[in-house]
Amino acid sequence: MPEATGPAGTAPSPRSLVPMRHTVFRRLMADEFGEIRAEMIARDHVLSTLGGRTVDQALAAGSDPKEVWRAICDAFDVPWERR
């Protein structure tokens, strides 16, 4: 997956270069979608960008939470300022 860039192809923010913890990922999901919907999305929504897996399956298989968050943001059109 290519390195993330900001709007109009700007350089990635310093935050995008730091590893993301699973707890931070879950908080971002809950903040964006609400706790119940975030859990349902993680459990049930299959993303082709995650190899045809759900969020929970991708994380259990060892995917980087930051890459999973980017896939969620792309799939659900999360605005750039909340990514």
N, C-alpha and C. Protein backbone atom coordinates (compact mmCIF):
# COMPACT_ATOMS: atom_id res chain seq x y z
N MET A 1 0.85 -1.17 0.00
CA MET A 1 0.00 0.00 0.00
C MET A 1 0.89 1.23 0.00
N PRO A 2 0.59 2.24 -0.83
CA PRO A 2 1.44 3.42 -0.89
C PRO A 2 1.39 4.22 0.41
N GLU A 3 2.44 4.98 0.63
CA GLU A 3 2.50 5.83 1.83
C GLU A 3 1.38 6.85 1.77
N ALA A 4 0.77 7.12 2.91
CA ALA A 4 -0.34 8.08 2.97
C ALA A 4 0.16 9.48 2.70
N THR A 5 -0.65 10.23 2.01
CA THR A 5 -0.34 11.63 1.79
C THR A 5 -1.54 12.45 2.19
N GLY A 6 -1.30 13.70 2.42
CA GLY A 6 -2.37 14.61 2.81
C GLY A 6 -3.14 15.08 1.59
N PRO A 7 -4.00 16.06 1.79
CA PRO A 7 -4.77 16.60 0.67
C PRO A 7 -3.86 17.09 -0.45
N ALA A 8 -4.27 16.88 -1.66
CA ALA A 8 -3.55 17.34 -2.85
C ALA A 8 -2.13 16.80 -2.92
N GLY A 9 -1.91 15.60 -2.38
CA GLY A 9 -0.61 14.96 -2.49
C GLY A 9 0.48 15.53 -1.60
N THR A 10 0.11 16.27 -0.56
CA THR A 10 1.12 16.81 0.35
C THR A 10 1.78 15.69 1.12
N ALA A 11 2.88 15.98 1.77
CA ALA A 11 3.63 14.98 2.53
C ALA A 11 2.78 14.45 3.69
N PRO A 12 3.05 13.20 4.11
CA PRO A 12 2.31 12.65 5.24
C PRO A 12 2.60 13.44 6.51
N SER A 13 1.63 13.48 7.40
CA SER A 13 1.85 14.16 8.66
C SER A 13 2.77 13.32 9.52
N PRO A 14 3.49 13.92 10.47
CA PRO A 14 4.36 13.14 11.36
C PRO A 14 3.58 12.06 12.10
N ARG A 15 2.31 12.32 12.40
CA ARG A 15 1.48 11.34 13.09
C ARG A 15 1.32 10.08 12.25
N SER A 16 1.31 10.19 10.92
CA SER A 16 1.11 9.03 10.08
C SER A 16 2.32 8.10 10.06
N LEU A 17 3.47 8.57 10.58
CA LEU A 17 4.67 7.76 10.59
C LEU A 17 4.86 6.97 11.89
N VAL A 18 4.00 7.21 12.87
CA VAL A 18 4.09 6.55 14.18
C VAL A 18 3.17 5.33 14.19
N PRO A 19 3.66 4.19 14.72
CA PRO A 19 2.80 3.00 14.80
C PRO A 19 1.54 3.28 15.61
N MET A 20 0.45 2.62 15.24
CA MET A 20 -0.82 2.79 15.94
C MET A 20 -1.09 1.57 16.81
N ARG A 21 -1.50 1.80 18.03
CA ARG A 21 -1.88 0.72 18.93
C ARG A 21 -3.31 0.29 18.64
N HIS A 22 -3.62 -0.96 18.97
CA HIS A 22 -4.98 -1.46 18.79
C HIS A 22 -5.98 -0.64 19.60
N THR A 23 -5.60 -0.21 20.80
CA THR A 23 -6.53 0.57 21.62
C THR A 23 -6.83 1.92 20.97
N VAL A 24 -5.85 2.53 20.33
CA VAL A 24 -6.07 3.80 19.63
C VAL A 24 -6.99 3.55 18.44
N PHE A 25 -6.74 2.46 17.71
CA PHE A 25 -7.59 2.12 16.57
C PHE A 25 -9.04 1.97 17.01
N ARG A 26 -9.28 1.22 18.08
CA ARG A 26 -10.66 1.00 18.56
C ARG A 26 -11.30 2.31 19.01
N ARG A 27 -10.52 3.20 19.62
CA ARG A 27 -11.06 4.50 20.02
C ARG A 27 -11.45 5.33 18.81
N LEU A 28 -10.59 5.33 17.79
CA LEU A 28 -10.91 6.07 16.55
C LEU A 28 -12.18 5.53 15.91
N MET A 29 -12.30 4.20 15.89
CA MET A 29 -13.52 3.59 15.33
C MET A 29 -14.76 4.04 16.10
N ALA A 30 -14.69 3.97 17.43
CA ALA A 30 -15.83 4.35 18.26
C ALA A 30 -16.15 5.83 18.12
N ASP A 31 -15.13 6.66 18.05
CA ASP A 31 -15.35 8.10 17.89
C ASP A 31 -16.01 8.41 16.55
N GLU A 32 -15.62 7.70 15.52
CA GLU A 32 -16.15 7.97 14.18
C GLU A 32 -17.54 7.40 13.97
N PHE A 33 -17.79 6.20 14.46
CA PHE A 33 -19.02 5.49 14.13
C PHE A 33 -19.94 5.24 15.32
N GLY A 34 -19.48 5.52 16.53
CA GLY A 34 -20.22 5.12 17.73
C GLY A 34 -19.80 3.71 18.10
N GLU A 35 -19.86 3.38 19.39
CA GLU A 35 -19.33 2.10 19.84
C GLU A 35 -20.01 0.90 19.20
N ILE A 36 -21.32 0.89 19.16
CA ILE A 36 -22.03 -0.28 18.64
C ILE A 36 -21.80 -0.44 17.15
N ARG A 37 -21.94 0.64 16.39
CA ARG A 37 -21.73 0.53 14.94
C ARG A 37 -20.29 0.18 14.62
N ALA A 38 -19.33 0.73 15.37
CA ALA A 38 -17.92 0.40 15.15
C ALA A 38 -17.68 -1.09 15.34
N GLU A 39 -18.27 -1.67 16.38
CA GLU A 39 -18.13 -3.11 16.62
C GLU A 39 -18.74 -3.91 15.47
N MET A 40 -19.91 -3.47 14.99
CA MET A 40 -20.57 -4.18 13.89
C MET A 40 -19.75 -4.09 12.61
N ILE A 41 -19.21 -2.92 12.32
CA ILE A 41 -18.37 -2.75 11.12
C ILE A 41 -17.14 -3.65 11.22
N ALA A 42 -16.48 -3.63 12.37
CA ALA A 42 -15.27 -4.42 12.56
C ALA A 42 -15.55 -5.92 12.42
N ARG A 43 -16.69 -6.34 12.87
CA ARG A 43 -17.03 -7.76 12.85
C ARG A 43 -17.59 -8.22 11.50
N ASP A 44 -18.37 -7.36 10.83
CA ASP A 44 -19.18 -7.81 9.70
C ASP A 44 -18.80 -7.26 8.33
N HIS A 45 -18.18 -6.10 8.26
CA HIS A 45 -17.94 -5.46 6.96
C HIS A 45 -16.66 -5.99 6.33
N VAL A 46 -16.78 -6.63 5.19
CA VAL A 46 -15.64 -7.19 4.47
C VAL A 46 -15.07 -6.12 3.53
N LEU A 47 -13.77 -5.92 3.62
CA LEU A 47 -13.09 -4.92 2.80
C LEU A 47 -12.15 -5.60 1.83
N SER A 48 -12.29 -5.30 0.55
CA SER A 48 -11.39 -5.90 -0.45
C SER A 48 -9.95 -5.45 -0.22
N THR A 49 -9.76 -4.22 0.28
CA THR A 49 -8.41 -3.71 0.53
C THR A 49 -7.72 -4.42 1.69
N LEU A 50 -8.49 -5.18 2.45
CA LEU A 50 -7.92 -5.99 3.54
C LEU A 50 -7.87 -7.45 3.13
N GLY A 51 -7.83 -7.71 1.85
CA GLY A 51 -7.74 -9.08 1.37
C GLY A 51 -9.05 -9.84 1.50
N GLY A 52 -10.17 -9.13 1.42
CA GLY A 52 -11.47 -9.79 1.54
C GLY A 52 -11.77 -10.23 2.96
N ARG A 53 -11.19 -9.51 3.92
CA ARG A 53 -11.40 -9.85 5.33
C ARG A 53 -12.10 -8.70 6.04
N THR A 54 -12.64 -9.01 7.20
CA THR A 54 -13.19 -7.97 8.06
C THR A 54 -12.05 -7.31 8.83
N VAL A 55 -12.36 -6.23 9.49
CA VAL A 55 -11.38 -5.55 10.33
C VAL A 55 -10.85 -6.51 11.40
N ASP A 56 -11.77 -7.18 12.09
CA ASP A 56 -11.35 -8.10 13.15
C ASP A 56 -10.46 -9.21 12.61
N GLN A 57 -10.80 -9.75 11.45
CA GLN A 57 -9.99 -10.81 10.86
C GLN A 57 -8.61 -10.28 10.46
N ALA A 58 -8.57 -9.10 9.88
CA ALA A 58 -7.29 -8.52 9.45
C ALA A 58 -6.39 -8.25 10.66
N LEU A 59 -6.95 -7.69 11.72
CA LEU A 59 -6.15 -7.42 12.92
C LEU A 59 -5.68 -8.72 13.56
N ALA A 60 -6.55 -9.72 13.61
CA ALA A 60 -6.17 -11.02 14.19
C ALA A 60 -5.05 -11.68 13.38
N ALA A 61 -5.01 -11.39 12.08
CA ALA A 61 -3.98 -11.96 11.21
C ALA A 61 -2.68 -11.17 11.26
N GLY A 62 -2.67 -10.08 12.04
CA GLY A 62 -1.43 -9.32 12.21
C GLY A 62 -1.32 -8.07 11.37
N SER A 63 -2.39 -7.64 10.72
CA SER A 63 -2.33 -6.40 9.94
C SER A 63 -2.08 -5.21 10.85
N ASP A 64 -1.36 -4.23 10.33
CA ASP A 64 -1.07 -3.01 11.07
C ASP A 64 -2.37 -2.23 11.29
N PRO A 65 -2.71 -1.89 12.53
CA PRO A 65 -3.94 -1.13 12.78
C PRO A 65 -4.03 0.16 11.97
N LYS A 66 -2.88 0.80 11.70
CA LYS A 66 -2.89 2.04 10.92
C LYS A 66 -3.36 1.77 9.49
N GLU A 67 -2.90 0.66 8.91
CA GLU A 67 -3.32 0.31 7.55
C GLU A 67 -4.80 -0.05 7.52
N VAL A 68 -5.26 -0.71 8.57
CA VAL A 68 -6.68 -1.06 8.67
C VAL A 68 -7.51 0.21 8.80
N TRP A 69 -7.04 1.16 9.62
CA TRP A 69 -7.75 2.43 9.77
C TRP A 69 -7.83 3.17 8.43
N ARG A 70 -6.74 3.18 7.68
CA ARG A 70 -6.76 3.83 6.36
C ARG A 70 -7.79 3.16 5.44
N ALA A 71 -7.86 1.85 5.49
CA ALA A 71 -8.84 1.14 4.66
C ALA A 71 -10.26 1.51 5.07
N ILE A 72 -10.51 1.60 6.36
CA ILE A 72 -11.83 2.01 6.85
C ILE A 72 -12.14 3.43 6.41
N CYS A 73 -11.18 4.32 6.56
CA CYS A 73 -11.38 5.72 6.16
C CYS A 73 -11.72 5.83 4.68
N ASP A 74 -11.02 5.08 3.85
CA ASP A 74 -11.30 5.10 2.42
C ASP A 74 -12.68 4.52 2.11
N ALA A 75 -13.01 3.42 2.73
CA ALA A 75 -14.28 2.74 2.46
C ALA A 75 -15.49 3.56 2.91
N PHE A 76 -15.33 4.31 4.00
CA PHE A 76 -16.44 5.06 4.56
C PHE A 76 -16.31 6.56 4.37
N ASP A 77 -15.39 6.98 3.49
CA ASP A 77 -15.21 8.40 3.18
C ASP A 77 -15.06 9.28 4.42
N VAL A 78 -14.22 8.82 5.34
CA VAL A 78 -13.94 9.63 6.55
C VAL A 78 -13.16 10.85 6.09
N PRO A 79 -13.59 12.05 6.50
CA PRO A 79 -12.88 13.26 6.09
C PRO A 79 -11.41 13.24 6.51
N TRP A 80 -10.58 13.87 5.71
CA TRP A 80 -9.13 13.86 5.92
C TRP A 80 -8.76 14.29 7.34
N GLU A 81 -9.42 15.32 7.86
CA GLU A 81 -9.03 15.83 9.18
C GLU A 81 -9.30 14.86 10.32
N ARG A 82 -10.06 13.80 10.07
CA ARG A 82 -10.32 12.79 11.11
C ARG A 82 -9.57 11.49 10.85
N ARG A 83 -8.70 11.46 9.87
CA ARG A 83 -7.96 10.23 9.55
C ARG A 83 -6.73 10.11 10.39
